[in-house]
Amino acid sequence: MPPTVLVTGAGGFLGRHLVQELLARGYHVRALVRPARVTGKSPLPPLTSLPIDVREGDLSQPASVAGLAEGCAAVIHAAALAQVNPARNPAVWAVNDGGTATVLELARQAQVSRFVYVGTANVFGFGSRQQPGDETRPYAGQRYGLDYMDSKRAATERVLRAVREWQLPAVLVHPTFMLGPGDAKPTSNALLLELYRGQLPGYPAGGKNYVHVHDVAAATVNALSQGRIGESYILGNQNLSYQEAFALMADTMGVRPPRFAVPTPLARLYGAACDAKARLTRRPAQLNSAMAAVAGDGHYFSVEKARRELNLRQTSLEQAIAEAFHWFKAHHYA
């Protein structure tokens, strides 16, 4: 009988691609999704229509997921709250760090043969285009004051402690900025919609690494049988400045790219103004000073380790953008 893999965060952008990748390889899948009372809606149709075991549970409430991993040979822990606005939010810590503690305990009780933790490349120090960051660089995100980055770093350290103290057979994968079809919320691909709608008049000074979500899903599933225990792998592809990335996205979608460079001091001033507005209205503004600071830096990474040890594919960014845009058009987002 094929082994059963528990996937947390199965209702998310990456999570649904992980489920499909696992099914394509013959695994049985138990998919954890957030309860309807939390999300305000039932599990997404793409999941409920698949031949999988869908379970509802809230990782910030351990009792709701008791015994979830029983009978599972492996766990892929992809659940996370990727919220950066507001910059400080206790719910982010409850899901990202507290939820990881819960899933680690479930995995220990079930004595799984492999635990794959899905983190973020931002838990490592970034570098320049000429000397990109890698898995050896110490965390640099504390400068921003973002609970998302800080909580993901804490969760990464928690997994590594479980490897040392429990001998948990864990491999850690850390995606960069994912693009591709099926982003129903939408999350990272919302950037494409903003460009398409002409809502981004300028581009900030920094840049980042981009990757097709299919490549991340495939390498993550590869980590069930490949990679070294206790090792981290950055899953990405192409390093681009925001100017380069926005121009490529606009060209692929057939619209005009943003024409104006936004000076970093101006971006930081606008971020501070948004912070003040959020304090007055007690609601998040369009962005915050932490987001403005991130956009001014170049978050560039090397993915050579994952290419060597996890057979990370390198699908072109043009294809990722085109597939995402066509999916949005087919589902009436654009």
Protein backbone atom coordinates (compact mmCIF):
# COMPACT_ATOMS: atom_id res chain seq x y z
CA MET A 1 0.00 0.00 0.00
CA PRO A 2 1.38 3.48 -0.85
CA PRO A 3 2.49 5.51 2.18
CA THR A 4 0.27 8.27 3.55
CA VAL A 5 1.70 11.77 3.82
CA LEU A 6 0.16 14.42 6.06
CA VAL A 7 0.23 17.89 4.47
CA THR A 8 -0.48 20.84 6.73
CA GLY A 9 -1.54 24.08 5.08
CA ALA A 10 -3.04 22.05 2.25
CA GLY A 11 -5.54 24.78 1.41
CA GLY A 12 -2.84 27.33 0.65
CA PHE A 13 -1.18 28.24 -2.63
CA LEU A 14 1.77 25.88 -2.22
CA GLY A 15 -0.22 23.35 -0.22
CA ARG A 16 -2.59 22.53 -3.06
CA HIS A 17 0.33 22.04 -5.45
CA LEU A 18 1.95 19.73 -2.89
CA VAL A 19 -1.21 17.64 -2.71
CA GLN A 20 -1.37 17.32 -6.49
CA GLU A 21 2.34 16.45 -6.72
CA LEU A 22 1.98 13.75 -4.07
CA LEU A 23 -1.05 12.22 -5.80
CA ALA A 24 0.77 12.21 -9.13
CA ARG A 25 3.54 10.16 -7.51
CA GLY A 26 1.16 7.62 -6.00
CA TYR A 27 1.10 8.73 -2.38
CA HIS A 28 -1.99 8.76 -0.22
CA VAL A 29 -2.64 12.24 1.18
CA ARG A 30 -4.13 13.43 4.45
CA ALA A 31 -4.69 17.17 4.08
CA LEU A 32 -5.06 19.53 7.01
CA VAL A 33 -7.05 22.71 6.33
CA ARG A 34 -8.15 25.46 8.65
CA PRO A 35 -11.71 25.11 10.03
CA ALA A 36 -14.53 26.88 8.26
CA ARG A 37 -15.26 28.81 11.47
CA VAL A 38 -11.75 30.35 11.17
CA THR A 39 -11.65 30.97 7.43
CA GLY A 40 -15.34 31.74 7.00
CA LYS A 41 -15.64 29.25 4.15
CA SER A 42 -15.51 25.54 3.46
CA PRO A 43 -12.36 23.82 2.11
CA LEU A 44 -11.59 24.91 -1.43
CA PRO A 45 -13.26 22.85 -4.17
CA PRO A 46 -9.89 21.84 -5.73
CA LEU A 47 -9.20 19.90 -2.53
CA THR A 48 -12.65 18.49 -1.85
CA SER A 49 -12.80 17.10 -5.39
CA LEU A 50 -9.54 15.15 -5.01
CA PRO A 51 -9.21 11.57 -3.69
CA ILE A 52 -7.67 12.65 -0.38
CA ASP A 53 -8.50 12.60 3.33
CA VAL A 54 -9.36 16.20 4.23
CA ARG A 55 -9.24 17.08 7.94
CA GLU A 56 -10.09 20.39 9.56
CA GLY A 57 -8.02 21.67 12.46
CA ASP A 58 -6.41 24.76 13.94
CA LEU A 59 -2.71 24.38 14.72
CA SER A 60 -2.95 27.14 17.31
CA GLN A 61 -5.40 24.84 19.16
CA PRO A 62 -3.49 21.54 19.61
CA ALA A 63 -6.54 19.65 20.86
CA SER A 64 -8.20 20.15 17.47
CA VAL A 65 -5.47 18.14 15.71
CA ALA A 66 -4.80 15.43 18.28
CA GLY A 67 -3.74 12.17 16.60
CA LEU A 68 -3.72 13.79 13.18
CA ALA A 69 -0.49 12.10 12.06
CA GLU A 70 -1.41 8.59 13.23
CA GLY A 71 -0.88 6.14 10.38
CA CYS A 72 1.16 8.62 8.35
CA ALA A 73 4.64 7.67 7.15
CA ALA A 74 5.69 11.29 6.64
CA VAL A 75 4.67 14.88 7.27
CA ILE A 76 5.08 17.95 5.07
CA HIS A 77 4.50 20.95 7.31
CA ALA A 78 3.59 23.83 4.99
CA ALA A 79 1.05 25.63 7.15
CA ALA A 80 1.96 29.24 7.91
CA LEU A 81 0.44 32.67 8.31
CA ALA A 82 2.37 34.80 5.80
CA GLN A 83 1.00 38.11 7.00
CA VAL A 84 3.31 41.14 7.00
CA ASN A 85 0.73 43.88 7.53
CA PRO A 86 0.50 44.70 10.40
CA ALA A 87 4.15 43.98 11.06
CA ARG A 88 3.44 42.79 14.60
CA ASN A 89 0.69 40.25 15.14
CA PRO A 90 0.48 37.57 17.89
CA ALA A 91 -1.56 35.33 15.56
CA VAL A 92 1.48 35.01 13.27
CA TRP A 93 3.54 33.62 16.14
CA ALA A 94 0.70 31.32 17.25
CA VAL A 95 0.52 29.68 13.80
CA ASN A 96 4.11 29.82 12.58
CA ASP A 97 6.00 28.95 15.75
CA GLY A 98 3.35 27.50 18.03
CA GLY A 99 1.80 25.53 15.17
CA THR A 100 5.19 24.10 14.25
CA ALA A 101 5.64 22.92 17.85
CA THR A 102 2.27 21.18 17.60
CA VAL A 103 3.09 19.43 14.32
CA LEU A 104 6.51 18.35 15.57
CA GLU A 105 4.88 16.66 18.55
CA LEU A 106 2.36 14.95 16.26
CA ALA A 107 5.22 13.68 14.11
CA ARG A 108 7.12 12.40 17.14
CA GLN A 109 4.08 10.55 18.43
CA ALA A 110 3.49 8.97 15.01
CA GLN A 111 7.20 8.09 14.63
CA VAL A 112 7.25 9.30 11.03
CA SER A 113 10.10 8.31 8.75
CA ARG A 114 10.49 11.81 7.30
CA PHE A 115 9.44 15.32 8.32
CA VAL A 116 9.72 18.07 5.71
CA TYR A 117 9.45 21.58 7.06
CA VAL A 118 8.55 24.39 4.65
CA GLY A 119 10.14 27.63 5.79
CA THR A 120 11.19 30.73 3.86
CA ALA A 121 14.47 31.86 2.35
CA ASN A 122 14.16 34.99 4.48
CA VAL A 123 15.44 33.08 7.52
CA PHE A 124 18.91 33.30 5.95
CA GLY A 125 21.08 36.30 5.23
CA PHE A 126 20.56 37.67 1.75
CA GLY A 127 23.33 38.89 -0.54
CA SER A 128 24.05 40.80 -3.71
CA ARG A 129 23.52 39.66 -7.29
CA GLN A 130 27.26 38.95 -7.48
CA GLN A 131 27.41 37.19 -4.10
CA PRO A 132 23.92 35.93 -3.27
CA GLY A 133 22.99 34.64 0.15
CA ASP A 134 22.85 30.92 0.90
CA GLU A 135 22.00 28.46 3.68
CA THR A 136 25.19 29.31 5.60
CA ARG A 137 24.43 33.00 6.10
CA PRO A 138 23.03 34.02 9.50
CA TYR A 139 19.55 35.47 9.79
CA ALA A 140 19.40 39.16 8.83
CA GLY A 141 15.64 39.79 8.91
CA GLN A 142 15.51 40.98 12.52
CA ARG A 143 16.30 44.48 11.24
CA TYR A 144 12.79 44.78 9.80
CA GLY A 145 10.66 44.10 12.85
CA LEU A 146 8.36 41.69 11.00
CA ASP A 147 6.73 38.95 13.06
CA TYR A 148 6.44 36.82 9.94
CA MET A 149 10.20 36.61 9.39
CA ASP A 150 11.02 36.39 13.10
CA SER A 151 8.46 33.64 13.73
CA LYS A 152 9.64 31.59 10.76
CA ARG A 153 13.21 31.85 12.01
CA ALA A 154 12.09 30.67 15.46
CA ALA A 155 10.19 27.77 13.88
CA THR A 156 13.25 26.80 11.84
CA GLU A 157 15.33 26.69 15.01
CA ARG A 158 12.62 24.61 16.68
CA VAL A 159 12.80 22.00 13.91
CA LEU A 160 16.59 21.88 14.13
CA ARG A 161 16.35 21.32 17.91
CA ALA A 162 13.99 18.40 17.27
CA VAL A 163 16.58 16.92 14.92
CA ARG A 164 19.29 17.21 17.58
CA GLU A 165 17.28 16.24 20.65
CA TRP A 166 14.70 13.79 19.28
CA GLN A 167 16.64 12.53 16.26
CA LEU A 168 13.68 13.64 14.17
CA PRO A 169 14.37 12.76 10.51
CA ALA A 170 13.68 16.26 9.24
CA VAL A 171 14.69 18.09 6.07
CA LEU A 172 14.02 21.81 5.78
CA VAL A 173 13.11 23.57 2.53
CA HIS A 174 12.92 27.35 2.20
CA PRO A 175 11.14 28.80 -0.86
CA THR A 176 11.76 32.25 -2.26
CA PHE A 177 8.95 34.28 -3.90
CA MET A 178 6.59 31.83 -5.63
CA LEU A 179 4.63 32.53 -8.81
CA GLY A 180 2.34 30.27 -10.81
CA PRO A 181 -1.25 29.15 -11.33
CA GLY A 182 -3.83 28.33 -8.69
CA ASP A 183 -3.29 31.23 -6.27
CA ALA A 184 -6.93 31.51 -5.32
CA LYS A 185 -6.63 33.90 -2.39
CA PRO A 186 -4.49 35.43 -4.09
CA THR A 187 -1.21 35.77 -2.17
CA SER A 188 2.17 36.27 -3.84
CA ASN A 189 0.60 36.40 -7.30
CA ALA A 190 -1.46 39.42 -6.25
CA LEU A 191 1.51 41.42 -7.50
CA LEU A 192 0.64 40.39 -11.06
CA LEU A 193 -2.93 41.60 -10.68
CA GLU A 194 -1.76 44.94 -9.31
CA LEU A 195 0.54 45.38 -12.28
CA TYR A 196 -2.17 44.35 -14.72
CA ARG A 197 -4.60 46.86 -13.20
CA GLY A 198 -2.05 49.68 -13.29
CA GLN A 199 -1.91 49.98 -9.51
CA LEU A 200 1.90 50.08 -9.31
CA PRO A 201 3.14 53.38 -10.76
CA GLY A 202 6.73 52.87 -9.60
CA TYR A 203 9.28 50.27 -8.57
CA PRO A 204 11.37 50.20 -5.39
CA ALA A 205 15.15 50.00 -5.29
CA GLY A 206 15.54 46.39 -4.15
CA GLY A 207 14.88 42.98 -5.63
CA LYS A 208 14.35 39.32 -4.79
CA ASN A 209 14.55 35.75 -6.00
CA TYR A 210 11.57 34.26 -7.86
CA VAL A 211 10.55 30.64 -8.47
CA HIS A 212 7.74 28.65 -10.11
CA VAL A 213 5.46 27.10 -7.49
CA HIS A 214 5.55 23.78 -9.40
CA ASP A 215 9.31 23.60 -8.91
CA VAL A 216 8.94 24.24 -5.18
CA ALA A 217 6.27 21.55 -4.85
CA ALA A 218 8.35 18.99 -6.75
CA ALA A 219 11.52 19.65 -4.73
CA THR A 220 9.56 19.56 -1.47
CA VAL A 221 8.15 16.14 -2.32
CA ASN A 222 11.64 15.07 -3.41
CA ALA A 223 12.74 15.87 0.15
CA LEU A 224 10.68 12.90 1.36
CA SER A 225 13.43 10.67 0.00
CA GLN A 226 16.29 13.02 -0.92
CA GLY A 227 18.36 15.54 0.93
CA ARG A 228 20.24 15.19 4.20
CA ILE A 229 18.65 15.05 7.65
CA GLY A 230 18.95 18.36 9.48
CA GLU A 231 19.92 20.28 6.35
CA SER A 232 18.22 23.35 4.90
CA TYR A 233 17.65 23.99 1.19
CA ILE A 234 16.70 27.28 -0.45
CA LEU A 235 14.18 26.67 -3.23
CA GLY A 236 14.34 29.45 -5.79
CA ASN A 237 15.44 30.31 -9.29
CA GLN A 238 16.05 33.79 -10.70
CA ASN A 239 17.39 36.88 -8.94
CA LEU A 240 15.88 40.07 -10.38
CA SER A 241 15.60 43.68 -9.32
CA TYR A 242 12.05 44.95 -8.96
CA GLN A 243 12.53 47.01 -12.10
CA GLU A 244 13.56 43.89 -14.06
CA ALA A 245 10.85 41.71 -12.56
CA PHE A 246 8.05 44.24 -13.11
CA ALA A 247 9.16 44.77 -16.71
CA LEU A 248 9.12 41.02 -17.36
CA MET A 249 5.72 40.60 -15.73
CA ALA A 250 4.23 43.52 -17.64
CA ASP A 251 5.63 42.31 -20.96
CA THR A 252 4.24 38.79 -20.38
CA MET A 253 0.79 40.19 -19.55
CA GLY A 254 0.83 42.75 -22.38
CA VAL A 255 0.65 45.88 -20.21
CA ARG A 256 2.96 48.82 -19.56
CA PRO A 257 5.53 48.40 -16.78
CA PRO A 258 5.93 50.92 -13.96
CA ARG A 259 8.06 53.79 -15.24
CA PHE A 260 9.28 55.54 -12.12
CA ALA A 261 11.96 54.52 -9.63
CA VAL A 262 10.81 55.12 -6.06
CA PRO A 263 13.77 56.49 -4.04
CA THR A 264 14.35 54.56 -0.85
CA PRO A 265 14.02 57.65 1.42
CA LEU A 266 10.65 58.43 -0.15
CA ALA A 267 9.49 54.83 0.27
CA ARG A 268 10.50 54.86 3.92
CA LEU A 269 8.72 58.19 4.46
CA TYR A 270 5.56 56.78 2.90
CA GLY A 271 5.86 53.68 5.07
CA ALA A 272 6.12 55.82 8.20
CA ALA A 273 3.04 57.79 7.10
CA CYS A 274 1.15 54.52 6.66
CA ASP A 275 2.21 53.47 10.16
CA ALA A 276 0.76 56.71 11.54
CA LYS A 277 -2.48 56.21 9.63
CA ALA A 278 -2.77 52.63 10.94
CA ARG A 279 -2.32 53.84 14.51
CA LEU A 280 -5.05 56.46 14.07
CA THR A 281 -7.55 54.19 12.30
CA ARG A 282 -6.52 50.98 14.12
CA ARG A 283 -6.54 49.24 10.75
CA PRO A 284 -3.61 48.24 8.52
CA ALA A 285 -2.80 50.80 5.84
CA GLN A 286 -1.68 49.99 2.27
CA LEU A 287 1.77 49.04 3.58
CA ASN A 288 4.00 49.70 6.60
CA SER A 289 7.52 50.90 7.27
CA ALA A 290 8.81 47.32 7.58
CA MET A 291 7.48 46.43 4.13
CA ALA A 292 9.06 49.59 2.70
CA ALA A 293 12.41 48.65 4.24
CA VAL A 294 12.23 45.14 2.78
CA ALA A 295 11.47 46.51 -0.69
CA GLY A 296 14.55 48.71 -0.55
CA ASP A 297 16.91 45.75 -0.07
CA GLY A 298 18.10 43.11 -2.50
CA HIS A 299 17.00 39.70 -1.21
CA TYR A 300 19.11 37.61 -3.56
CA PHE A 301 19.89 33.94 -2.97
CA SER A 302 21.82 31.02 -4.42
CA VAL A 303 19.90 27.77 -4.98
CA GLU A 304 22.82 25.56 -5.99
CA LYS A 305 22.54 23.31 -2.94
CA ALA A 306 18.90 22.44 -3.70
CA ARG A 307 19.70 21.88 -7.36
CA ARG A 308 22.42 19.39 -6.42
CA GLU A 309 20.69 17.53 -3.60
CA LEU A 310 16.94 17.88 -4.21
CA ASN A 311 16.93 17.97 -8.02
CA LEU A 312 15.31 21.40 -7.92
CA ARG A 313 13.92 22.22 -11.37
CA GLN A 314 14.41 25.67 -12.86
CA THR A 315 11.31 26.49 -14.88
CA SER A 316 11.56 29.91 -16.51
CA LEU A 317 10.01 32.83 -14.72
CA GLU A 318 8.26 33.80 -17.96
CA GLN A 319 6.37 30.50 -17.86
CA ALA A 320 5.44 30.97 -14.20
CA ILE A 321 4.06 34.44 -14.94
CA ALA A 322 2.18 33.32 -18.04
CA GLU A 323 0.59 30.36 -16.27
CA ALA A 324 -0.43 32.50 -13.31
CA PHE A 325 -1.92 35.19 -15.55
CA HIS A 326 -3.82 32.68 -17.69
CA TRP A 327 -5.19 31.05 -14.55
CA PHE A 328 -6.35 34.44 -13.24
CA LYS A 329 -8.08 35.19 -16.56
CA ALA A 330 -9.72 31.77 -16.69
CA HIS A 331 -11.07 32.28 -13.16
CA HIS A 332 -12.18 35.88 -13.76
CA TYR A 333 -9.63 37.64 -11.55
CA ALA A 334 -8.30 39.60 -14.53
